[in-house]
Amino acid sequence: MLRMIMIDPKRVELGIYNGIPHLLTPVINDAEKALNSLKWAIAEMMRRYDILTQTRSRNIEEYNKKVHKKDKLPNIVIIIDELADLMMRGNKKEVE
């Protein structure tokens, strides 16, 4: 299982991927929305660390073998086109 978040601050490269079934959200063009999605990803990462610790799993693949289909965790990939542009448009400290 794979889910993706795509961030395209310049609005020219990743828009063609809108609508693909693997996206967690439509391609993000807004710096504030991008920041919020990255904050969500950090919180999700921490939640997953807790889950892996509780189930004594070394990684998502091992965890997914132990649980019912409805509880499986997808891998999440975040693609950012032009990170420098995102940092210039948004609050640089928060993006870092």
PDB file of N, CA and C in Angstrom:
ATOM      1  N   MET A   1       0.846  -1.176   0.000  1.00  0.00           N
ATOM      2  CA  MET A   1       0.000   0.000   0.000  1.00  0.00           C
ATOM      3  C   MET A   1       0.894   1.244   0.000  1.00  0.00           C
ATOM      4  N   LEU A   2       0.503   2.188  -0.804  1.00  0.00           N
ATOM      5  CA  LEU A   2       1.266   3.416  -0.930  1.00  0.00           C
ATOM      6  C   LEU A   2       0.312   4.589  -1.020  1.00  0.00           C
ATOM      7  N   ARG A   3       0.612   5.623  -0.257  1.00  0.00           N
ATOM      8  CA  ARG A   3      -0.121   6.889  -0.335  1.00  0.00           C
ATOM      9  C   ARG A   3       0.911   7.988  -0.513  1.00  0.00           C
ATOM     10  N   MET A   4       0.508   9.076  -1.180  1.00  0.00           N
ATOM     11  CA  MET A   4       1.449  10.150  -1.483  1.00  0.00           C
ATOM     12  C   MET A   4       0.857  11.519  -1.171  1.00  0.00           C
ATOM     13  N   ILE A   5       1.767  12.404  -0.832  1.00  0.00           N
ATOM     14  CA  ILE A   5       1.468  13.831  -0.726  1.00  0.00           C
ATOM     15  C   ILE A   5       2.421  14.512  -1.699  1.00  0.00           C
ATOM     16  N   MET A   6       1.870  15.294  -2.613  1.00  0.00           N
ATOM     17  CA  MET A   6       2.695  16.020  -3.585  1.00  0.00           C
ATOM     18  C   MET A   6       2.534  17.518  -3.360  1.00  0.00           C
ATOM     19  N   ILE A   7       3.672  18.203  -3.294  1.00  0.00           N
ATOM     20  CA  ILE A   7       3.688  19.643  -3.060  1.00  0.00           C
ATOM     21  C   ILE A   7       4.402  20.298  -4.238  1.00  0.00           C
ATOM     22  N   ASP A   8       3.701  21.227  -4.886  1.00  0.00           N
ATOM     23  CA  ASP A   8       4.214  21.885  -6.092  1.00  0.00           C
ATOM     24  C   ASP A   8       3.981  23.390  -5.984  1.00  0.00           C
ATOM     25  N   PRO A   9       4.879  24.118  -5.297  1.00  0.00           N
ATOM     26  CA  PRO A   9       4.665  25.554  -5.079  1.00  0.00           C
ATOM     27  C   PRO A   9       4.572  26.376  -6.360  1.00  0.00           C
ATOM     28  N   LYS A  10       5.219  25.947  -7.427  1.00  0.00           N
ATOM     29  CA  LYS A  10       5.190  26.717  -8.672  1.00  0.00           C
ATOM     30  C   LYS A  10       4.005  26.363  -9.566  1.00  0.00           C
ATOM     31  N   ARG A  11       3.273  25.312  -9.208  1.00  0.00           N
ATOM     32  CA  ARG A  11       2.044  24.920  -9.911  1.00  0.00           C
ATOM     33  C   ARG A  11       2.258  24.466 -11.357  1.00  0.00           C
ATOM     34  N   VAL A  12       3.444  23.977 -11.668  1.00  0.00           N
ATOM     35  CA  VAL A  12       3.678  23.614 -13.073  1.00  0.00           C
ATOM     36  C   VAL A  12       4.057  22.157 -13.295  1.00  0.00           C
ATOM     37  N   GLU A  13       4.571  21.481 -12.311  1.00  0.00           N
ATOM     38  CA  GLU A  13       5.118  20.151 -12.542  1.00  0.00           C
ATOM     39  C   GLU A  13       4.204  19.001 -12.121  1.00  0.00           C
ATOM     40  N   LEU A  14       3.575  19.101 -10.979  1.00  0.00           N
ATOM     41  CA  LEU A  14       2.902  17.941 -10.407  1.00  0.00           C
ATOM     42  C   LEU A  14       1.386  17.928 -10.589  1.00  0.00           C
ATOM     43  N   GLY A  15       0.824  18.992 -11.099  1.00  0.00           N
ATOM     44  CA  GLY A  15      -0.628  19.071 -11.283  1.00  0.00           C
ATOM     45  C   GLY A  15      -1.198  17.945 -12.130  1.00  0.00           C
ATOM     46  N   ILE A  16      -0.405  17.407 -13.033  1.00  0.00           N
ATOM     47  CA  ILE A  16      -0.888  16.320 -13.895  1.00  0.00           C
ATOM     48  C   ILE A  16      -1.223  15.069 -13.096  1.00  0.00           C
ATOM     49  N   TYR A  17      -0.751  14.993 -11.849  1.00  0.00           N
ATOM     50  CA  TYR A  17      -1.007  13.816 -11.019  1.00  0.00           C
ATOM     51  C   TYR A  17      -2.274  13.944 -10.173  1.00  0.00           C
ATOM     52  N   ASN A  18      -2.922  15.090 -10.228  1.00  0.00           N
ATOM     53  CA  ASN A  18      -4.185  15.237  -9.486  1.00  0.00           C
ATOM     54  C   ASN A  18      -5.154  14.154  -9.935  1.00  0.00           C
ATOM     55  N   GLY A  19      -5.793  13.536  -8.985  1.00  0.00           N
ATOM     56  CA  GLY A  19      -6.783  12.527  -9.311  1.00  0.00           C
ATOM     57  C   GLY A  19      -6.279  11.100  -9.267  1.00  0.00           C
ATOM     58  N   ILE A  20      -4.960  10.906  -9.152  1.00  0.00           N
ATOM     59  CA  ILE A  20      -4.503   9.521  -9.066  1.00  0.00           C
ATOM     60  C   ILE A  20      -4.925   8.955  -7.707  1.00  0.00           C
ATOM     61  N   PRO A  21      -5.214   7.678  -7.643  1.00  0.00           N
ATOM     62  CA  PRO A  21      -5.792   7.111  -6.421  1.00  0.00           C
ATOM     63  C   PRO A  21      -4.845   7.066  -5.224  1.00  0.00           C
ATOM     64  N   HIS A  22      -3.574   7.224  -5.428  1.00  0.00           N
ATOM     65  CA  HIS A  22      -2.618   7.115  -4.322  1.00  0.00           C
ATOM     66  C   HIS A  22      -2.484   8.397  -3.501  1.00  0.00           C
ATOM     67  N   LEU A  23      -3.045   9.499  -3.981  1.00  0.00           N
ATOM     68  CA  LEU A  23      -2.891  10.776  -3.283  1.00  0.00           C
ATOM     69  C   LEU A  23      -3.728  10.828  -2.014  1.00  0.00           C
ATOM     70  N   LEU A  24      -3.123  11.305  -0.937  1.00  0.00           N
ATOM     71  CA  LEU A  24      -3.872  11.554   0.295  1.00  0.00           C
ATOM     72  C   LEU A  24      -4.686  12.828   0.190  1.00  0.00           C
ATOM     73  N   THR A  25      -4.224  13.743  -0.642  1.00  0.00           N
ATOM     74  CA  THR A  25      -4.860  15.035  -0.849  1.00  0.00           C
ATOM     75  C   THR A  25      -4.527  15.479  -2.276  1.00  0.00           C
ATOM     76  N   PRO A  26      -5.344  16.324  -2.881  1.00  0.00           N
ATOM     77  CA  PRO A  26      -4.939  16.850  -4.199  1.00  0.00           C
ATOM     78  C   PRO A  26      -3.567  17.516  -4.101  1.00  0.00           C
ATOM     79  N   VAL A  27      -2.875  17.625  -5.215  1.00  0.00           N
ATOM     80  CA  VAL A  27      -1.550  18.255  -5.240  1.00  0.00           C
ATOM     81  C   VAL A  27      -1.659  19.624  -4.570  1.00  0.00           C
ATOM     82  N   ILE A  28      -0.727  19.886  -3.671  1.00  0.00           N
ATOM     83  CA  ILE A  28      -0.753  21.117  -2.861  1.00  0.00           C
ATOM     84  C   ILE A  28       0.105  22.187  -3.534  1.00  0.00           C
ATOM     85  N   ASN A  29      -0.488  23.385  -3.720  1.00  0.00           N
ATOM     86  CA  ASN A  29       0.223  24.506  -4.340  1.00  0.00           C
ATOM     87  C   ASN A  29       0.440  25.660  -3.368  1.00  0.00           C
ATOM     88  N   ASP A  30      -0.300  25.681  -2.307  1.00  0.00           N
ATOM     89  CA  ASP A  30      -0.284  26.779  -1.348  1.00  0.00           C
ATOM     90  C   ASP A  30       0.726  26.493  -0.237  1.00  0.00           C
ATOM     91  N   ALA A  31       1.573  27.477   0.089  1.00  0.00           N
ATOM     92  CA  ALA A  31       2.619  27.296   1.095  1.00  0.00           C
ATOM     93  C   ALA A  31       2.039  26.957   2.463  1.00  0.00           C
ATOM     94  N   GLU A  32       0.950  27.600   2.833  1.00  0.00           N
ATOM     95  CA  GLU A  32       0.336  27.329   4.146  1.00  0.00           C
ATOM     96  C   GLU A  32      -0.208  25.902   4.218  1.00  0.00           C
ATOM     97  N   LYS A  33      -0.861  25.463   3.150  1.00  0.00           N
ATOM     98  CA  LYS A  33      -1.360  24.084   3.105  1.00  0.00           C
ATOM     99  C   LYS A  33      -0.207  23.092   3.103  1.00  0.00           C
ATOM    100  N   ALA A  34       0.868  23.446   2.420  1.00  0.00           N
ATOM    101  CA  ALA A  34       2.048  22.575   2.400  1.00  0.00           C
ATOM    102  C   ALA A  34       2.613  22.425   3.808  1.00  0.00           C
ATOM    103  N   LEU A  35       2.714  23.526   4.512  1.00  0.00           N
ATOM    104  CA  LEU A  35       3.217  23.494   5.882  1.00  0.00           C
ATOM    105  C   LEU A  35       2.315  22.630   6.764  1.00  0.00           C
ATOM    106  N   ASN A  36       1.016  22.796   6.614  1.00  0.00           N
ATOM    107  CA  ASN A  36       0.081  21.987   7.408  1.00  0.00           C
ATOM    108  C   ASN A  36       0.208  20.504   7.090  1.00  0.00           C
ATOM    109  N   SER A  37       0.422  20.178   5.824  1.00  0.00           N
ATOM    110  CA  SER A  37       0.562  18.765   5.465  1.00  0.00           C
ATOM    111  C   SER A  37       1.861  18.188   6.024  1.00  0.00           C
ATOM    112  N   LEU A  38       2.915  18.979   6.054  1.00  0.00           N
ATOM    113  CA  LEU A  38       4.165  18.507   6.632  1.00  0.00           C
ATOM    114  C   LEU A  38       4.057  18.341   8.148  1.00  0.00           C
ATOM    115  N   LYS A  39       3.326  19.239   8.795  1.00  0.00           N
ATOM    116  CA  LYS A  39       3.080  19.087  10.236  1.00  0.00           C
ATOM    117  C   LYS A  39       2.271  17.810  10.502  1.00  0.00           C
ATOM    118  N   TRP A  40       1.267  17.563   9.653  1.00  0.00           N
ATOM    119  CA  TRP A  40       0.488  16.333   9.788  1.00  0.00           C
ATOM    120  C   TRP A  40       1.398  15.109   9.638  1.00  0.00           C
ATOM    121  N   ALA A  41       2.306  15.148   8.660  1.00  0.00           N
ATOM    122  CA  ALA A  41       3.199  14.016   8.403  1.00  0.00           C
ATOM    123  C   ALA A  41       4.104  13.747   9.609  1.00  0.00           C
ATOM    124  N   ILE A  42       4.558  14.790  10.258  1.00  0.00           N
ATOM    125  CA  ILE A  42       5.390  14.609  11.449  1.00  0.00           C
ATOM    126  C   ILE A  42       4.567  13.963  12.562  1.00  0.00           C
ATOM    127  N   ALA A  43       3.347  14.444  12.762  1.00  0.00           N
ATOM    128  CA  ALA A  43       2.475  13.847  13.783  1.00  0.00           C
ATOM    129  C   ALA A  43       2.166  12.389  13.452  1.00  0.00           C
ATOM    130  N   GLU A  44       1.938  12.094  12.186  1.00  0.00           N
ATOM    131  CA  GLU A  44       1.668  10.722  11.754  1.00  0.00           C
ATOM    132  C   GLU A  44       2.893   9.832  11.972  1.00  0.00           C
ATOM    133  N   MET A  45       4.065  10.370  11.717  1.00  0.00           N
ATOM    134  CA  MET A  45       5.294   9.617  11.950  1.00  0.00           C
ATOM    135  C   MET A  45       5.422   9.255  13.431  1.00  0.00           C
ATOM    136  N   MET A  46       5.146  10.198  14.307  1.00  0.00           N
ATOM    137  CA  MET A  46       5.231   9.940  15.746  1.00  0.00           C
ATOM    138  C   MET A  46       4.178   8.914  16.179  1.00  0.00           C
ATOM    139  N   ARG A  47       2.990   9.020  15.630  1.00  0.00           N
ATOM    140  CA  ARG A  47       1.927   8.057  15.938  1.00  0.00           C
ATOM    141  C   ARG A  47       2.352   6.655  15.513  1.00  0.00           C
ATOM    142  N   ARG A  48       2.955   6.558  14.357  1.00  0.00           N
ATOM    143  CA  ARG A  48       3.404   5.261  13.853  1.00  0.00           C
ATOM    144  C   ARG A  48       4.543   4.695  14.691  1.00  0.00           C
ATOM    145  N   TYR A  49       5.443   5.542  15.149  1.00  0.00           N
ATOM    146  CA  TYR A  49       6.495   5.067  16.055  1.00  0.00           C
ATOM    147  C   TYR A  49       5.871   4.429  17.291  1.00  0.00           C
ATOM    148  N   ASP A  50       4.846   5.081  17.843  1.00  0.00           N
ATOM    149  CA  ASP A  50       4.163   4.532  19.012  1.00  0.00           C
ATOM    150  C   ASP A  50       3.522   3.185  18.694  1.00  0.00           C
ATOM    151  N   ILE A  51       2.869   3.095  17.549  1.00  0.00           N
ATOM    152  CA  ILE A  51       2.220   1.840  17.136  1.00  0.00           C
ATOM    153  C   ILE A  51       3.257   0.733  16.981  1.00  0.00           C
ATOM    154  N   LEU A  52       4.357   1.031  16.326  1.00  0.00           N
ATOM    155  CA  LEU A  52       5.399   0.025  16.123  1.00  0.00           C
ATOM    156  C   LEU A  52       5.995  -0.428  17.451  1.00  0.00           C
ATOM    157  N   THR A  53       6.172   0.505  18.370  1.00  0.00           N
ATOM    158  CA  THR A  53       6.689   0.159  19.694  1.00  0.00           C
ATOM    159  C   THR A  53       5.712  -0.740  20.438  1.00  0.00           C
ATOM    160  N   GLN A  54       4.431  -0.363  20.429  1.00  0.00           N
ATOM    161  CA  GLN A  54       3.412  -1.136  21.136  1.00  0.00           C
ATOM    162  C   GLN A  54       3.268  -2.556  20.598  1.00  0.00           C
ATOM    163  N   THR A  55       3.459  -2.724  19.309  1.00  0.00           N
ATOM    164  CA  THR A  55       3.282  -4.045  18.691  1.00  0.00           C
ATOM    165  C   THR A  55       4.605  -4.784  18.505  1.00  0.00           C
ATOM    166  N   ARG A  56       5.669  -4.169  18.998  1.00  0.00           N
ATOM    167  CA  ARG A  56       7.006  -4.761  18.871  1.00  0.00           C
ATOM    168  C   ARG A  56       7.335  -5.124  17.421  1.00  0.00           C
ATOM    169  N   SER A  57       7.082  -4.168  16.566  1.00  0.00           N
ATOM    170  CA  SER A  57       7.353  -4.326  15.136  1.00  0.00           C
ATOM    171  C   SER A  57       8.533  -3.435  14.769  1.00  0.00           C
ATOM    172  N   ARG A  58       9.398  -3.937  13.919  1.00  0.00           N
ATOM    173  CA  ARG A  58      10.582  -3.178  13.524  1.00  0.00           C
ATOM    174  C   ARG A  58      10.300  -2.188  12.411  1.00  0.00           C
ATOM    175  N   ASN A  59       9.260  -2.457  11.623  1.00  0.00           N
ATOM    176  CA  ASN A  59       8.948  -1.584  10.498  1.00  0.00           C
ATOM    177  C   ASN A  59       7.492  -1.809  10.081  1.00  0.00           C
ATOM    178  N   ILE A  60       7.033  -1.024   9.123  1.00  0.00           N
ATOM    179  CA  ILE A  60       5.632  -1.109   8.687  1.00  0.00           C
ATOM    180  C   ILE A  60       5.322  -2.476   8.080  1.00  0.00           C
ATOM    181  N   GLU A  61       6.239  -2.998   7.319  1.00  0.00           N
ATOM    182  CA  GLU A  61       6.006  -4.309   6.691  1.00  0.00           C
ATOM    183  C   GLU A  61       5.758  -5.385   7.758  1.00  0.00           C
ATOM    184  N   GLU A  62       6.574  -5.391   8.774  1.00  0.00           N
ATOM    185  CA  GLU A  62       6.403  -6.364   9.864  1.00  0.00           C
ATOM    186  C   GLU A  62       5.082  -6.130  10.595  1.00  0.00           C
ATOM    187  N   TYR A  63       4.775  -4.875  10.867  1.00  0.00           N
ATOM    188  CA  TYR A  63       3.517  -4.542  11.528  1.00  0.00           C
ATOM    189  C   TYR A  63       2.327  -5.014  10.699  1.00  0.00           C
ATOM    190  N   ASN A  64       2.348  -4.732   9.402  1.00  0.00           N
ATOM    191  CA  ASN A  64       1.223  -5.086   8.534  1.00  0.00           C
ATOM    192  C   ASN A  64       0.993  -6.593   8.466  1.00  0.00           C
ATOM    193  N   LYS A  65       2.024  -7.389   8.672  1.00  0.00           N
ATOM    194  CA  LYS A  65       1.864  -8.839   8.694  1.00  0.00           C
ATOM    195  C   LYS A  65       1.128  -9.315   9.947  1.00  0.00           C
ATOM    196  N   LYS A  66       1.163  -8.510  10.996  1.00  0.00           N
ATOM    197  CA  LYS A  66       0.580  -8.888  12.290  1.00  0.00           C
ATOM    198  C   LYS A  66      -0.879  -8.481  12.440  1.00  0.00           C
ATOM    199  N   VAL A  67      -1.354  -7.547  11.632  1.00  0.00           N
ATOM    200  CA  VAL A  67      -2.666  -6.956  11.871  1.00  0.00           C
ATOM    201  C   VAL A  67      -3.665  -7.341  10.790  1.00  0.00           C
ATOM    202  N   HIS A  68      -4.951  -7.106  11.108  1.00  0.00           N
ATOM    203  CA  HIS A  68      -6.017  -7.334  10.133  1.00  0.00           C
ATOM    204  C   HIS A  68      -5.900  -6.319   9.001  1.00  0.00           C
ATOM    205  N   LYS A  69      -6.460  -6.657   7.886  1.00  0.00           N
ATOM    206  CA  LYS A  69      -6.361  -5.814   6.688  1.00  0.00           C
ATOM    207  C   LYS A  69      -6.794  -4.370   6.955  1.00  0.00           C
ATOM    208  N   LYS A  70      -7.867  -4.185   7.730  1.00  0.00           N
ATOM    209  CA  LYS A  70      -8.378  -2.830   7.972  1.00  0.00           C
ATOM    210  C   LYS A  70      -7.434  -1.975   8.828  1.00  0.00           C
ATOM    211  N   ASP A  71      -6.507  -2.615   9.541  1.00  0.00           N
ATOM    212  CA  ASP A  71      -5.585  -1.887  10.413  1.00  0.00           C
ATOM    213  C   ASP A  71      -4.209  -1.652   9.794  1.00  0.00           C
ATOM    214  N   LYS A  72      -4.010  -2.136   8.576  1.00  0.00           N
ATOM    215  CA  LYS A  72      -2.699  -1.994   7.944  1.00  0.00           C
ATOM    216  C   LYS A  72      -2.379  -0.530   7.663  1.00  0.00           C
ATOM    217  N   LEU A  73      -1.105  -0.226   7.732  1.00  0.00           N
ATOM    218  CA  LEU A  73      -0.626   1.134   7.482  1.00  0.00           C
ATOM    219  C   LEU A  73       0.008   1.205   6.097  1.00  0.00           C
ATOM    220  N   PRO A  74      -0.370   2.198   5.309  1.00  0.00           N
ATOM    221  CA  PRO A  74       0.302   2.358   4.013  1.00  0.00           C
ATOM    222  C   PRO A  74       1.643   3.064   4.195  1.00  0.00           C
ATOM    223  N   ASN A  75       2.539   2.855   3.269  1.00  0.00           N
ATOM    224  CA  ASN A  75       3.739   3.678   3.214  1.00  0.00           C
ATOM    225  C   ASN A  75       3.301   5.038   2.684  1.00  0.00           C
ATOM    226  N   ILE A  76       3.908   6.088   3.198  1.00  0.00           N
ATOM    227  CA  ILE A  76       3.574   7.443   2.753  1.00  0.00           C
ATOM    228  C   ILE A  76       4.834   8.093   2.181  1.00  0.00           C
ATOM    229  N   VAL A  77       4.708   8.576   0.959  1.00  0.00           N
ATOM    230  CA  VAL A  77       5.805   9.264   0.280  1.00  0.00           C
ATOM    231  C   VAL A  77       5.397  10.719   0.102  1.00  0.00           C
ATOM    232  N   ILE A  78       6.308  11.624   0.435  1.00  0.00           N
ATOM    233  CA  ILE A  78       6.060  13.053   0.243  1.00  0.00           C
ATOM    234  C   ILE A  78       7.015  13.546  -0.842  1.00  0.00           C
ATOM    235  N   ILE A  79       6.436  14.117  -1.886  1.00  0.00           N
ATOM    236  CA  ILE A  79       7.219  14.630  -3.013  1.00  0.00           C
ATOM    237  C   ILE A  79       7.070  16.149  -3.023  1.00  0.00           C
ATOM    238  N   ILE A  80       8.189  16.839  -2.966  1.00  0.00           N
ATOM    239  CA  ILE A  80       8.174  18.301  -2.985  1.00  0.00           C
ATOM    240  C   ILE A  80       8.988  18.768  -4.182  1.00  0.00           C
ATOM    241  N   ASP A  81       8.321  19.426  -5.111  1.00  0.00           N
ATOM    242  CA  ASP A  81       9.021  20.012  -6.247  1.00  0.00           C
ATOM    243  C   ASP A  81       9.456  21.413  -5.850  1.00  0.00           C
ATOM    244  N   GLU A  82      10.723  21.685  -6.014  1.00  0.00           N
ATOM    245  CA  GLU A  82      11.269  23.013  -5.706  1.00  0.00           C
ATOM    246  C   GLU A  82      11.115  23.377  -4.231  1.00  0.00           C
ATOM    247  N   LEU A  83      11.785  22.619  -3.379  1.00  0.00           N
ATOM    248  CA  LEU A  83      11.757  22.887  -1.944  1.00  0.00           C
ATOM    249  C   LEU A  83      12.212  24.315  -1.641  1.00  0.00           C
ATOM    250  N   ALA A  84      13.215  24.784  -2.352  1.00  0.00           N
ATOM    251  CA  ALA A  84      13.709  26.148  -2.126  1.00  0.00           C
ATOM    252  C   ALA A  84      12.606  27.175  -2.358  1.00  0.00           C
ATOM    253  N   ASP A  85      11.794  26.962  -3.394  1.00  0.00           N
ATOM    254  CA  ASP A  85      10.695  27.882  -3.681  1.00  0.00           C
ATOM    255  C   ASP A  85       9.662  27.839  -2.560  1.00  0.00           C
ATOM    256  N   LEU A  86       9.388  26.658  -2.053  1.00  0.00           N
ATOM    257  CA  LEU A  86       8.452  26.526  -0.933  1.00  0.00           C
ATOM    258  C   LEU A  86       8.974  27.291   0.281  1.00  0.00           C
ATOM    259  N   MET A  87      10.259  27.176   0.534  1.00  0.00           N
ATOM    260  CA  MET A  87      10.836  27.867   1.689  1.00  0.00           C
ATOM    261  C   MET A  87      10.799  29.374   1.514  1.00  0.00           C
ATOM    262  N   MET A  88      10.936  29.866   0.289  1.00  0.00           N
ATOM    263  CA  MET A  88      10.884  31.303   0.042  1.00  0.00           C
ATOM    264  C   MET A  88       9.458  31.838   0.198  1.00  0.00           C
ATOM    265  N   ARG A  89       8.468  31.038  -0.172  1.00  0.00           N
ATOM    266  CA  ARG A  89       7.077  31.487  -0.105  1.00  0.00           C
ATOM    267  C   ARG A  89       6.507  31.374   1.295  1.00  0.00           C
ATOM    268  N   GLY A  90       6.936  30.375   2.023  1.00  0.00           N
ATOM    269  CA  GLY A  90       6.381  30.131   3.352  1.00  0.00           C
ATOM    270  C   GLY A  90       7.277  30.677   4.432  1.00  0.00           C
ATOM    271  N   ASN A  91       6.931  30.362   5.638  1.00  0.00           N
ATOM    272  CA  ASN A  91       7.736  30.730   6.789  1.00  0.00           C
ATOM    273  C   ASN A  91       8.937  29.782   6.822  1.00  0.00           C
ATOM    274  N   LYS A  92      10.109  30.282   6.501  1.00  0.00           N
ATOM    275  CA  LYS A  92      11.291  29.437   6.349  1.00  0.00           C
ATOM    276  C   LYS A  92      11.570  28.614   7.599  1.00  0.00           C
ATOM    277  N   LYS A  93      11.448  29.200   8.770  1.00  0.00           N
ATOM    278  CA  LYS A  93      11.712  28.485  10.015  1.00  0.00           C
ATOM    279  C   LYS A  93      10.773  27.299  10.180  1.00  0.00           C
ATOM    280  N   GLU A  94       9.493  27.505   9.886  1.00  0.00           N
ATOM    281  CA  GLU A  94       8.532  26.421  10.049  1.00  0.00           C
ATOM    282  C   GLU A  94       8.754  25.325   9.021  1.00  0.00           C
ATOM    283  N   VAL A  95       9.094  25.676   7.793  1.00  0.00           N
ATOM    284  CA  VAL A  95       9.335  24.674   6.755  1.00  0.00           C
ATOM    285  C   VAL A  95      10.542  23.825   7.120  1.00  0.00           C
ATOM    286  N   GLU A  96      11.582  24.467   7.677  1.00  0.00           N
ATOM    287  CA  GLU A  96      12.770  23.709   8.091  1.00  0.00           C
ATOM    288  C   GLU A  96      12.377  22.704   9.137  1.00  0.00           C
TER     289      GLU A  96
END
